């Protein structure tokens, strides 16, 4: 519990967005870039001259975020990439729209506390399907581009990066880790999800982020792909939209703003020191 407490109330960060180096020429994708820490991540990257793809499933909400980002960055504009992580056909289509280079992929999007009966288009639990399976498939499709960029771009120092947003929720994962019976698409899987409950389904999805990130690091390090996961901290974001109103209100009194939560993944994704994080899970939301 000490780890959970220290991460819930961290010291002030020594890292600021002003320390991010110039990112001119770098192509970066941020999933869930239309809201919360994803939007703040896009803002910081745009201010450092990166070419940013804001990946989101809702065009209207993405356009709203893009207008906000233009105001906040003196007219710099991210490129909308339609991506519904709960629909594998949409994931494939988004990956096919990629450029010839990709320097950093922020697997940032997620859902939390959704009703257990809600499923992805392909029939999976919505939380694991969105948070883990969708990102796994998207990343897998982009691996050739990430590897090519690592080997051929003068901007990468021989490495590209995949940054996976996890959570301190991994400390609450069900005993035994991931409950595999919940990961199917049949009726028995749905019943297993109902028995486990929405909170535990979220916890195991965040563990899934860490396990995927670690395995990616093992398999693709020799191809120049750095993969790390992190806990952004306890934040005021739209992840709370499925939480009961009173609980969400109480939580909002003790959490941090989204801009604070973006710092860890920005550090991992842009700073030279982040190259040392391959296969690691960053436990603290500050650096």
C-alpha atoms as a PDB file:
ATOM      1  CA  UNK A   1       0.000   0.000   0.000  1.00  0.00           C
ATOM      2  CA  UNK A   2       2.988   2.299   0.474  1.00  0.00           C
ATOM      3  CA  UNK A   3       3.622   2.309  -3.264  1.00  0.00           C
ATOM      4  CA  UNK A   4       0.015   3.213  -3.967  1.00  0.00           C
ATOM      5  CA  UNK A   5       0.057   6.079  -1.448  1.00  0.00           C
ATOM      6  CA  UNK A   6       3.360   7.513  -2.684  1.00  0.00           C
ATOM      7  CA  UNK A   7       2.117   7.460  -6.257  1.00  0.00           C
ATOM      8  CA  UNK A   8      -1.193   9.030  -5.310  1.00  0.00           C
ATOM      9  CA  UNK A   9       0.517  11.974  -3.617  1.00  0.00           C
ATOM     10  CA  UNK A  10       3.858  12.402  -5.425  1.00  0.00           C
ATOM     11  CA  UNK A  11       6.384  15.194  -4.921  1.00  0.00           C
ATOM     12  CA  UNK A  12       6.506  18.092  -7.345  1.00  0.00           C
ATOM     13  CA  UNK A  13       7.969  17.105 -10.690  1.00  0.00           C
ATOM     14  CA  UNK A  14      11.505  18.236 -11.514  1.00  0.00           C
ATOM     15  CA  UNK A  15      10.702  17.824 -15.202  1.00  0.00           C
ATOM     16  CA  UNK A  16       8.763  20.435 -17.163  1.00  0.00           C
ATOM     17  CA  UNK A  17       7.559  20.546 -20.760  1.00  0.00           C
ATOM     18  CA  UNK A  18      10.053  23.338 -21.433  1.00  0.00           C
ATOM     19  CA  UNK A  19      12.843  20.758 -21.146  1.00  0.00           C
ATOM     20  CA  UNK A  20      11.554  18.732 -24.097  1.00  0.00           C
ATOM     21  CA  UNK A  21      13.998  19.067 -27.010  1.00  0.00           C
ATOM     22  CA  UNK A  22      12.983  20.385 -30.409  1.00  0.00           C
ATOM     23  CA  UNK A  23      11.025  17.674 -32.227  1.00  0.00           C
ATOM     24  CA  UNK A  24      11.074  19.106 -35.738  1.00  0.00           C
ATOM     25  CA  UNK A  25      10.737  16.302 -38.286  1.00  0.00           C
ATOM     26  CA  UNK A  26       9.425  13.717 -35.845  1.00  0.00           C
ATOM     27  CA  UNK A  27       6.118  11.968 -36.565  1.00  0.00           C
ATOM     28  CA  UNK A  28       4.190  11.065 -33.423  1.00  0.00           C
ATOM     29  CA  UNK A  29       0.819   9.377 -32.831  1.00  0.00           C
ATOM     30  CA  UNK A  30      -1.151   9.938 -29.616  1.00  0.00           C
ATOM     31  CA  UNK A  31      -4.170   7.669 -29.137  1.00  0.00           C
ATOM     32  CA  UNK A  32      -6.925   9.336 -27.160  1.00  0.00           C
ATOM     33  CA  UNK A  33      -5.381  12.679 -28.037  1.00  0.00           C
ATOM     34  CA  UNK A  34      -8.705  14.479 -27.893  1.00  0.00           C
ATOM     35  CA  UNK A  35      -9.036  14.506 -24.119  1.00  0.00           C
ATOM     36  CA  UNK A  36      -7.235  14.387 -20.771  1.00  0.00           C
ATOM     37  CA  UNK A  37      -3.535  13.631 -20.692  1.00  0.00           C
ATOM     38  CA  UNK A  38      -3.627  12.729 -24.368  1.00  0.00           C
ATOM     39  CA  UNK A  39      -4.663  16.260 -25.260  1.00  0.00           C
ATOM     40  CA  UNK A  40      -2.024  17.729 -22.956  1.00  0.00           C
ATOM     41  CA  UNK A  41       0.555  15.436 -24.532  1.00  0.00           C
ATOM     42  CA  UNK A  42      -0.418  16.661 -28.000  1.00  0.00           C
ATOM     43  CA  UNK A  43      -0.109  20.254 -26.820  1.00  0.00           C
ATOM     44  CA  UNK A  44       3.428  19.789 -25.526  1.00  0.00           C
ATOM     45  CA  UNK A  45       4.522  17.923 -28.661  1.00  0.00           C
ATOM     46  CA  UNK A  46       3.074  20.567 -30.982  1.00  0.00           C
ATOM     47  CA  UNK A  47       4.826  23.303 -29.039  1.00  0.00           C
ATOM     48  CA  UNK A  48       8.086  21.472 -29.743  1.00  0.00           C
ATOM     49  CA  UNK A  49       7.335  21.291 -33.486  1.00  0.00           C
ATOM     50  CA  UNK A  50       6.463  17.602 -33.852  1.00  0.00           C
ATOM     51  CA  UNK A  51       4.072  16.396 -36.539  1.00  0.00           C
ATOM     52  CA  UNK A  52       1.299  15.033 -34.327  1.00  0.00           C
ATOM     53  CA  UNK A  53      -1.468  12.629 -35.253  1.00  0.00           C
ATOM     54  CA  UNK A  54      -4.364  12.934 -32.831  1.00  0.00           C
ATOM     55  CA  UNK A  55      -6.019   9.512 -32.895  1.00  0.00           C
ATOM     56  CA  UNK A  56      -9.613   9.336 -31.679  1.00  0.00           C
ATOM     57  CA  UNK A  57     -12.865   7.624 -32.624  1.00  0.00           C
ATOM     58  CA  UNK A  58     -15.183  10.642 -32.534  1.00  0.00           C
ATOM     59  CA  UNK A  59     -14.561  13.258 -35.231  1.00  0.00           C
ATOM     60  CA  UNK A  60     -16.669  15.953 -33.549  1.00  0.00           C
ATOM     61  CA  UNK A  61     -14.850  15.645 -30.227  1.00  0.00           C
ATOM     62  CA  UNK A  62     -11.528  15.485 -32.027  1.00  0.00           C
ATOM     63  CA  UNK A  63     -12.316  18.694 -33.925  1.00  0.00           C
ATOM     64  CA  UNK A  64     -13.168  20.395 -30.633  1.00  0.00           C
ATOM     65  CA  UNK A  65      -9.811  19.320 -29.210  1.00  0.00           C
ATOM     66  CA  UNK A  66      -7.985  20.417 -32.359  1.00  0.00           C
ATOM     67  CA  UNK A  67      -9.473  23.909 -32.125  1.00  0.00           C
ATOM     68  CA  UNK A  68      -8.396  24.097 -28.472  1.00  0.00           C
ATOM     69  CA  UNK A  69      -4.892  22.940 -29.392  1.00  0.00           C
ATOM     70  CA  UNK A  70      -4.633  25.548 -32.142  1.00  0.00           C
ATOM     71  CA  UNK A  71      -5.460  28.262 -29.612  1.00  0.00           C
ATOM     72  CA  UNK A  72      -3.024  26.890 -27.042  1.00  0.00           C
ATOM     73  CA  UNK A  73      -0.111  26.510 -29.469  1.00  0.00           C
ATOM     74  CA  UNK A  74      -0.384  29.675 -31.566  1.00  0.00           C
ATOM     75  CA  UNK A  75      -1.977  27.961 -34.526  1.00  0.00           C
ATOM     76  CA  UNK A  76      -0.175  24.622 -34.624  1.00  0.00           C
ATOM     77  CA  UNK A  77      -2.546  21.888 -35.725  1.00  0.00           C
ATOM     78  CA  UNK A  78      -2.491  18.129 -35.146  1.00  0.00           C
ATOM     79  CA  UNK A  79      -3.762  15.776 -37.840  1.00  0.00           C
ATOM     80  CA  UNK A  80      -6.907  13.823 -37.032  1.00  0.00           C
ATOM     81  CA  UNK A  81      -6.573  10.043 -37.318  1.00  0.00           C
ATOM     82  CA  UNK A  82      -9.843   8.154 -36.972  1.00  0.00           C
ATOM     83  CA  UNK A  83      -9.219   5.255 -34.611  1.00  0.00           C
ATOM     84  CA  UNK A  84     -11.795   3.213 -32.706  1.00  0.00           C
ATOM     85  CA  UNK A  85      -9.823   0.823 -30.523  1.00  0.00           C
ATOM     86  CA  UNK A  86     -13.004  -1.142 -29.830  1.00  0.00           C
ATOM     87  CA  UNK A  87     -13.267  -2.033 -33.520  1.00  0.00           C
ATOM     88  CA  UNK A  88     -10.365  -3.989 -35.003  1.00  0.00           C
ATOM     89  CA  UNK A  89     -11.388  -3.107 -38.551  1.00  0.00           C
ATOM     90  CA  UNK A  90     -11.071   0.569 -37.603  1.00  0.00           C
ATOM     91  CA  UNK A  91      -7.683  -0.140 -36.039  1.00  0.00           C
ATOM     92  CA  UNK A  92      -6.426  -1.759 -39.227  1.00  0.00           C
ATOM     93  CA  UNK A  93      -7.703   1.113 -41.363  1.00  0.00           C
ATOM     94  CA  UNK A  94      -6.000   3.675 -39.117  1.00  0.00           C
ATOM     95  CA  UNK A  95      -2.690   1.819 -39.268  1.00  0.00           C
ATOM     96  CA  UNK A  96      -2.868   1.717 -43.058  1.00  0.00           C
ATOM     97  CA  UNK A  97      -3.104   5.519 -43.121  1.00  0.00           C
ATOM     98  CA  UNK A  98       0.298   5.885 -41.493  1.00  0.00           C
ATOM     99  CA  UNK A  99       3.252   7.740 -42.953  1.00  0.00           C
ATOM    100  CA  UNK A 100       6.563   6.249 -44.023  1.00  0.00           C
ATOM    101  CA  UNK A 101       8.079   7.204 -40.669  1.00  0.00           C
ATOM    102  CA  UNK A 102       6.879   6.977 -37.074  1.00  0.00           C
ATOM    103  CA  UNK A 103       9.177   8.090 -34.272  1.00  0.00           C
ATOM    104  CA  UNK A 104       6.964   7.748 -31.186  1.00  0.00           C
ATOM    105  CA  UNK A 105       3.657   5.980 -30.541  1.00  0.00           C
ATOM    106  CA  UNK A 106       1.804   6.980 -27.380  1.00  0.00           C
ATOM    107  CA  UNK A 107      -0.701   4.224 -26.545  1.00  0.00           C
ATOM    108  CA  UNK A 108      -2.608   6.559 -24.267  1.00  0.00           C
ATOM    109  CA  UNK A 109      -6.346   6.021 -24.853  1.00  0.00           C
ATOM    110  CA  UNK A 110      -8.469   4.048 -22.436  1.00  0.00           C
ATOM    111  CA  UNK A 111     -11.819   3.451 -20.795  1.00  0.00           C
ATOM    112  CA  UNK A 112     -12.562   2.707 -17.140  1.00  0.00           C
ATOM    113  CA  UNK A 113     -15.456   1.277 -15.179  1.00  0.00           C
ATOM    114  CA  UNK A 114     -17.710   0.566 -18.148  1.00  0.00           C
ATOM    115  CA  UNK A 115     -20.723  -1.727 -17.574  1.00  0.00           C
ATOM    116  CA  UNK A 116     -19.725  -5.382 -17.862  1.00  0.00           C
ATOM    117  CA  UNK A 117     -22.270  -6.065 -20.588  1.00  0.00           C
ATOM    118  CA  UNK A 118     -20.622  -3.573 -22.925  1.00  0.00           C
ATOM    119  CA  UNK A 119     -18.489  -5.326 -25.547  1.00  0.00           C
ATOM    120  CA  UNK A 120     -16.270  -4.265 -28.408  1.00  0.00           C
ATOM    121  CA  UNK A 121     -17.467  -4.610 -31.985  1.00  0.00           C
ATOM    122  CA  UNK A 122     -15.539  -7.885 -32.098  1.00  0.00           C
ATOM    123  CA  UNK A 123     -17.183  -9.177 -28.912  1.00  0.00           C
ATOM    124  CA  UNK A 124     -14.500  -8.639 -26.264  1.00  0.00           C
ATOM    125  CA  UNK A 125     -14.905  -7.029 -22.852  1.00  0.00           C
ATOM    126  CA  UNK A 126     -14.911  -3.310 -23.631  1.00  0.00           C
ATOM    127  CA  UNK A 127     -12.191  -2.420 -21.137  1.00  0.00           C
ATOM    128  CA  UNK A 128      -9.680  -5.119 -22.073  1.00  0.00           C
ATOM    129  CA  UNK A 129     -10.634  -4.868 -25.727  1.00  0.00           C
ATOM    130  CA  UNK A 130     -10.041  -1.114 -25.850  1.00  0.00           C
ATOM    131  CA  UNK A 131      -7.182  -0.716 -23.409  1.00  0.00           C
ATOM    132  CA  UNK A 132      -5.150  -3.776 -24.400  1.00  0.00           C
ATOM    133  CA  UNK A 133      -6.299  -5.663 -27.506  1.00  0.00           C
ATOM    134  CA  UNK A 134      -6.904  -2.551 -29.603  1.00  0.00           C
ATOM    135  CA  UNK A 135      -3.524  -1.073 -28.712  1.00  0.00           C
ATOM    136  CA  UNK A 136      -1.782  -4.410 -29.209  1.00  0.00           C
ATOM    137  CA  UNK A 137      -3.231  -4.753 -32.713  1.00  0.00           C
ATOM    138  CA  UNK A 138      -2.500  -1.125 -33.629  1.00  0.00           C
ATOM    139  CA  UNK A 139       1.090  -1.382 -32.427  1.00  0.00           C
ATOM    140  CA  UNK A 140       1.640  -4.701 -34.190  1.00  0.00           C
ATOM    141  CA  UNK A 141       0.513  -3.210 -37.493  1.00  0.00           C
ATOM    142  CA  UNK A 142       2.880  -0.266 -37.006  1.00  0.00           C
ATOM    143  CA  UNK A 143       5.952  -2.314 -36.058  1.00  0.00           C
ATOM    144  CA  UNK A 144       7.427  -2.363 -39.589  1.00  0.00           C
ATOM    145  CA  UNK A 145       7.254   1.433 -39.741  1.00  0.00           C
ATOM    146  CA  UNK A 146       8.699   1.837 -36.254  1.00  0.00           C
ATOM    147  CA  UNK A 147      11.557  -0.526 -37.085  1.00  0.00           C
ATOM    148  CA  UNK A 148      12.234   1.149 -40.441  1.00  0.00           C
ATOM    149  CA  UNK A 149      12.320   4.569 -38.790  1.00  0.00           C
ATOM    150  CA  UNK A 150      14.691   3.384 -36.065  1.00  0.00           C
ATOM    151  CA  UNK A 151      17.137   2.122 -38.671  1.00  0.00           C
ATOM    152  CA  UNK A 152      16.896   4.931 -41.196  1.00  0.00           C
ATOM    153  CA  UNK A 153      15.898   8.208 -39.550  1.00  0.00           C
ATOM    154  CA  UNK A 154      18.642  10.609 -38.513  1.00  0.00           C
ATOM    155  CA  UNK A 155      16.377  11.884 -35.718  1.00  0.00           C
ATOM    156  CA  UNK A 156      16.109   8.726 -33.628  1.00  0.00           C
ATOM    157  CA  UNK A 157      19.647   7.823 -32.495  1.00  0.00           C
ATOM    158  CA  UNK A 158      18.758   4.314 -33.674  1.00  0.00           C
ATOM    159  CA  UNK A 159      15.591   3.994 -31.604  1.00  0.00           C
ATOM    160  CA  UNK A 160      11.858   4.577 -31.881  1.00  0.00           C
ATOM    161  CA  UNK A 161       9.543   4.416 -28.890  1.00  0.00           C
ATOM    162  CA  UNK A 162       6.210   2.920 -27.861  1.00  0.00           C
ATOM    163  CA  UNK A 163       4.885   4.475 -24.651  1.00  0.00           C
ATOM    164  CA  UNK A 164       2.066   2.551 -22.964  1.00  0.00           C
ATOM    165  CA  UNK A 165      -0.110   4.325 -20.409  1.00  0.00           C
ATOM    166  CA  UNK A 166      -0.934   1.998 -17.521  1.00  0.00           C
ATOM    167  CA  UNK A 167      -2.035   2.871 -13.968  1.00  0.00           C
ATOM    168  CA  UNK A 168      -1.453   2.248 -10.274  1.00  0.00           C
ATOM    169  CA  UNK A 169      -4.565   0.078 -10.678  1.00  0.00           C
ATOM    170  CA  UNK A 170      -2.156  -2.804 -11.336  1.00  0.00           C
ATOM    171  CA  UNK A 171      -1.719  -3.008  -7.562  1.00  0.00           C
ATOM    172  CA  UNK A 172      -5.378  -4.005  -7.227  1.00  0.00           C
ATOM    173  CA  UNK A 173      -5.427  -6.668  -9.933  1.00  0.00           C
ATOM    174  CA  UNK A 174      -7.386  -9.840  -9.035  1.00  0.00           C
ATOM    175  CA  UNK A 175      -5.476 -12.604  -7.285  1.00  0.00           C
ATOM    176  CA  UNK A 176      -3.644 -14.652  -9.849  1.00  0.00           C
ATOM    177  CA  UNK A 177      -3.415 -11.795 -12.336  1.00  0.00           C
ATOM    178  CA  UNK A 178      -5.483 -11.728 -15.505  1.00  0.00           C
ATOM    179  CA  UNK A 179      -8.620 -13.867 -15.406  1.00  0.00           C
ATOM    180  CA  UNK A 180      -8.377 -15.500 -18.805  1.00  0.00           C
ATOM    181  CA  UNK A 181     -11.989 -16.692 -18.784  1.00  0.00           C
ATOM    182  CA  UNK A 182     -13.079 -13.064 -19.191  1.00  0.00           C
ATOM    183  CA  UNK A 183     -11.174 -12.542 -22.439  1.00  0.00           C
ATOM    184  CA  UNK A 184     -13.299 -14.557 -24.841  1.00  0.00           C
ATOM    185  CA  UNK A 185     -16.209 -13.489 -27.006  1.00  0.00           C
ATOM    186  CA  UNK A 186     -18.783 -16.120 -26.050  1.00  0.00           C
ATOM    187  CA  UNK A 187     -21.586 -16.169 -23.476  1.00  0.00           C
ATOM    188  CA  UNK A 188     -19.421 -17.808 -20.805  1.00  0.00           C
ATOM    189  CA  UNK A 189     -16.903 -14.992 -21.109  1.00  0.00           C
ATOM    190  CA  UNK A 190     -19.651 -12.435 -20.601  1.00  0.00           C
ATOM    191  CA  UNK A 191     -20.753 -14.241 -17.450  1.00  0.00           C
ATOM    192  CA  UNK A 192     -17.162 -14.316 -16.207  1.00  0.00           C
ATOM    193  CA  UNK A 193     -16.942 -10.556 -16.774  1.00  0.00           C
ATOM    194  CA  UNK A 194     -20.135  -9.974 -14.802  1.00  0.00           C
ATOM    195  CA  UNK A 195     -18.788 -12.092 -11.953  1.00  0.00           C
ATOM    196  CA  UNK A 196     -15.493 -10.197 -11.885  1.00  0.00           C
ATOM    197  CA  UNK A 197     -17.090  -6.736 -12.024  1.00  0.00           C
ATOM    198  CA  UNK A 198     -16.120  -3.512 -13.813  1.00  0.00           C
ATOM    199  CA  UNK A 199     -13.414  -2.428 -11.365  1.00  0.00           C
ATOM    200  CA  UNK A 200     -11.475  -5.684 -11.532  1.00  0.00           C
ATOM    201  CA  UNK A 201     -11.861  -5.731 -15.302  1.00  0.00           C
ATOM    202  CA  UNK A 202     -10.199  -2.325 -15.395  1.00  0.00           C
ATOM    203  CA  UNK A 203      -7.418  -3.391 -13.049  1.00  0.00           C
ATOM    204  CA  UNK A 204      -6.534  -6.410 -15.164  1.00  0.00           C
ATOM    205  CA  UNK A 205      -6.578  -4.322 -18.342  1.00  0.00           C
ATOM    206  CA  UNK A 206      -3.928  -2.060 -16.842  1.00  0.00           C
ATOM    207  CA  UNK A 207      -1.846  -5.109 -15.979  1.00  0.00           C
ATOM    208  CA  UNK A 208      -2.322  -6.136 -19.587  1.00  0.00           C
ATOM    209  CA  UNK A 209      -0.750  -2.839 -20.673  1.00  0.00           C
ATOM    210  CA  UNK A 210       2.357  -3.571 -18.603  1.00  0.00           C
ATOM    211  CA  UNK A 211       2.682  -7.182 -19.768  1.00  0.00           C
ATOM    212  CA  UNK A 212       2.273  -6.200 -23.412  1.00  0.00           C
ATOM    213  CA  UNK A 213       4.804  -3.397 -23.043  1.00  0.00           C
ATOM    214  CA  UNK A 214       7.365  -5.674 -21.411  1.00  0.00           C
ATOM    215  CA  UNK A 215       6.988  -8.396 -24.034  1.00  0.00           C
ATOM    216  CA  UNK A 216       7.251  -5.869 -26.841  1.00  0.00           C
ATOM    217  CA  UNK A 217      10.524  -4.664 -25.329  1.00  0.00           C
ATOM    218  CA  UNK A 218      11.920  -8.197 -25.226  1.00  0.00           C
ATOM    219  CA  UNK A 219      10.975  -9.091 -28.777  1.00  0.00           C
ATOM    220  CA  UNK A 220      11.844  -5.920 -30.648  1.00  0.00           C
ATOM    221  CA  UNK A 221      14.767  -4.316 -28.819  1.00  0.00           C
ATOM    222  CA  UNK A 222      17.170  -5.568 -31.485  1.00  0.00           C
ATOM    223  CA  UNK A 223      15.067  -3.793 -34.109  1.00  0.00           C
ATOM    224  CA  UNK A 224      15.523  -0.505 -32.288  1.00  0.00           C
ATOM    225  CA  UNK A 225      12.068  -0.291 -30.719  1.00  0.00           C
ATOM    226  CA  UNK A 226      11.953   0.895 -27.110  1.00  0.00           C
ATOM    227  CA  UNK A 227       8.801  -0.002 -25.190  1.00  0.00           C
ATOM    228  CA  UNK A 228       7.925   1.222 -21.706  1.00  0.00           C
ATOM    229  CA  UNK A 229       4.818   1.569 -19.563  1.00  0.00           C
ATOM    230  CA  UNK A 230       3.958   4.098 -16.900  1.00  0.00           C
ATOM    231  CA  UNK A 231       1.553   5.302 -14.262  1.00  0.00           C
ATOM    232  CA  UNK A 232       0.468   8.868 -15.072  1.00  0.00           C
ATOM    233  CA  UNK A 233      -0.936   9.394 -11.579  1.00  0.00           C
ATOM    234  CA  UNK A 234      -4.410  10.016 -10.184  1.00  0.00           C
ATOM    235  CA  UNK A 235      -5.927  12.634 -12.446  1.00  0.00           C
ATOM    236  CA  UNK A 236      -9.038  14.623 -13.260  1.00  0.00           C
ATOM    237  CA  UNK A 237      -9.885  13.225 -16.689  1.00  0.00           C
ATOM    238  CA  UNK A 238     -12.864  11.840 -18.577  1.00  0.00           C
ATOM    239  CA  UNK A 239     -11.921   8.339 -17.430  1.00  0.00           C
ATOM    240  CA  UNK A 240     -14.215   9.104 -14.497  1.00  0.00           C
ATOM    241  CA  UNK A 241     -17.286   9.454 -16.724  1.00  0.00           C
ATOM    242  CA  UNK A 242     -18.580   5.967 -15.855  1.00  0.00           C
ATOM    243  CA  UNK A 243     -17.983   6.405 -12.107  1.00  0.00           C
ATOM    244  CA  UNK A 244     -21.054   7.281  -9.969  1.00  0.00           C
ATOM    245  CA  UNK A 245     -21.460  11.060  -9.708  1.00  0.00           C
ATOM    246  CA  UNK A 246     -20.862  11.389  -5.967  1.00  0.00           C
ATOM    247  CA  UNK A 247     -17.769   9.192  -6.020  1.00  0.00           C
ATOM    248  CA  UNK A 248     -16.396  11.100  -9.007  1.00  0.00           C
ATOM    249  CA  UNK A 249     -16.992  14.370  -7.160  1.00  0.00           C
ATOM    250  CA  UNK A 250     -15.103  13.157  -4.101  1.00  0.00           C
ATOM    251  CA  UNK A 251     -12.249  11.839  -6.234  1.00  0.00           C
ATOM    252  CA  UNK A 252     -11.981  15.192  -8.012  1.00  0.00           C
ATOM    253  CA  UNK A 253     -11.053  16.836  -4.704  1.00  0.00           C
ATOM    254  CA  UNK A 254      -7.778  14.912  -4.376  1.00  0.00           C
ATOM    255  CA  UNK A 255      -6.608  14.238  -7.934  1.00  0.00           C
ATOM    256  CA  UNK A 256      -4.235  16.250 -10.088  1.00  0.00           C
ATOM    257  CA  UNK A 257      -4.925  18.124 -13.345  1.00  0.00           C
ATOM    258  CA  UNK A 258      -4.401  16.261 -16.614  1.00  0.00           C
ATOM    259  CA  UNK A 259      -1.397  18.411 -17.545  1.00  0.00           C
ATOM    260  CA  UNK A 260       0.467  16.986 -14.561  1.00  0.00           C
ATOM    261  CA  UNK A 261      -0.217  13.420 -15.683  1.00  0.00           C
ATOM    262  CA  UNK A 262       1.182  14.022 -19.158  1.00  0.00           C
ATOM    263  CA  UNK A 263       4.665  14.685 -17.785  1.00  0.00           C
ATOM    264  CA  UNK A 264       5.708  11.073 -17.242  1.00  0.00           C
ATOM    265  CA  UNK A 265       4.852   9.906 -20.729  1.00  0.00           C
ATOM    266  CA  UNK A 266       6.321  13.035 -22.289  1.00  0.00           C
ATOM    267  CA  UNK A 267       9.568  12.372 -20.451  1.00  0.00           C
ATOM    268  CA  UNK A 268       9.601   8.720 -21.531  1.00  0.00           C
ATOM    269  CA  UNK A 269       8.717   9.574 -25.108  1.00  0.00           C
ATOM    270  CA  UNK A 270      10.946  12.577 -25.789  1.00  0.00           C
ATOM    271  CA  UNK A 271      13.927  12.776 -23.449  1.00  0.00           C
ATOM    272  CA  UNK A 272      17.235  11.028 -24.148  1.00  0.00           C
ATOM    273  CA  UNK A 273      17.059   9.366 -20.736  1.00  0.00           C
ATOM    274  CA  UNK A 274      13.874   7.602 -21.827  1.00  0.00           C
ATOM    275  CA  UNK A 275      16.003   5.358 -24.036  1.00  0.00           C
ATOM    276  CA  UNK A 276      17.067   3.589 -20.844  1.00  0.00           C
ATOM    277  CA  UNK A 277      13.476   2.616 -20.001  1.00  0.00           C
ATOM    278  CA  UNK A 278      13.092  -0.293 -22.425  1.00  0.00           C
ATOM    279  CA  UNK A 279      11.017  -2.984 -20.742  1.00  0.00           C
ATOM    280  CA  UNK A 280      10.463  -0.893 -17.639  1.00  0.00           C
ATOM    281  CA  UNK A 281       7.312   0.297 -15.915  1.00  0.00           C
ATOM    282  CA  UNK A 282       7.656   3.820 -14.521  1.00  0.00           C
ATOM    283  CA  UNK A 283       6.027   3.727 -11.078  1.00  0.00           C
ATOM    284  CA  UNK A 284       5.910   7.437 -10.347  1.00  0.00           C
ATOM    285  CA  UNK A 285       3.911  10.081 -12.193  1.00  0.00           C
ATOM    286  CA  UNK A 286       6.791  12.549 -11.943  1.00  0.00           C
ATOM    287  CA  UNK A 287      10.450  12.523 -12.865  1.00  0.00           C
END
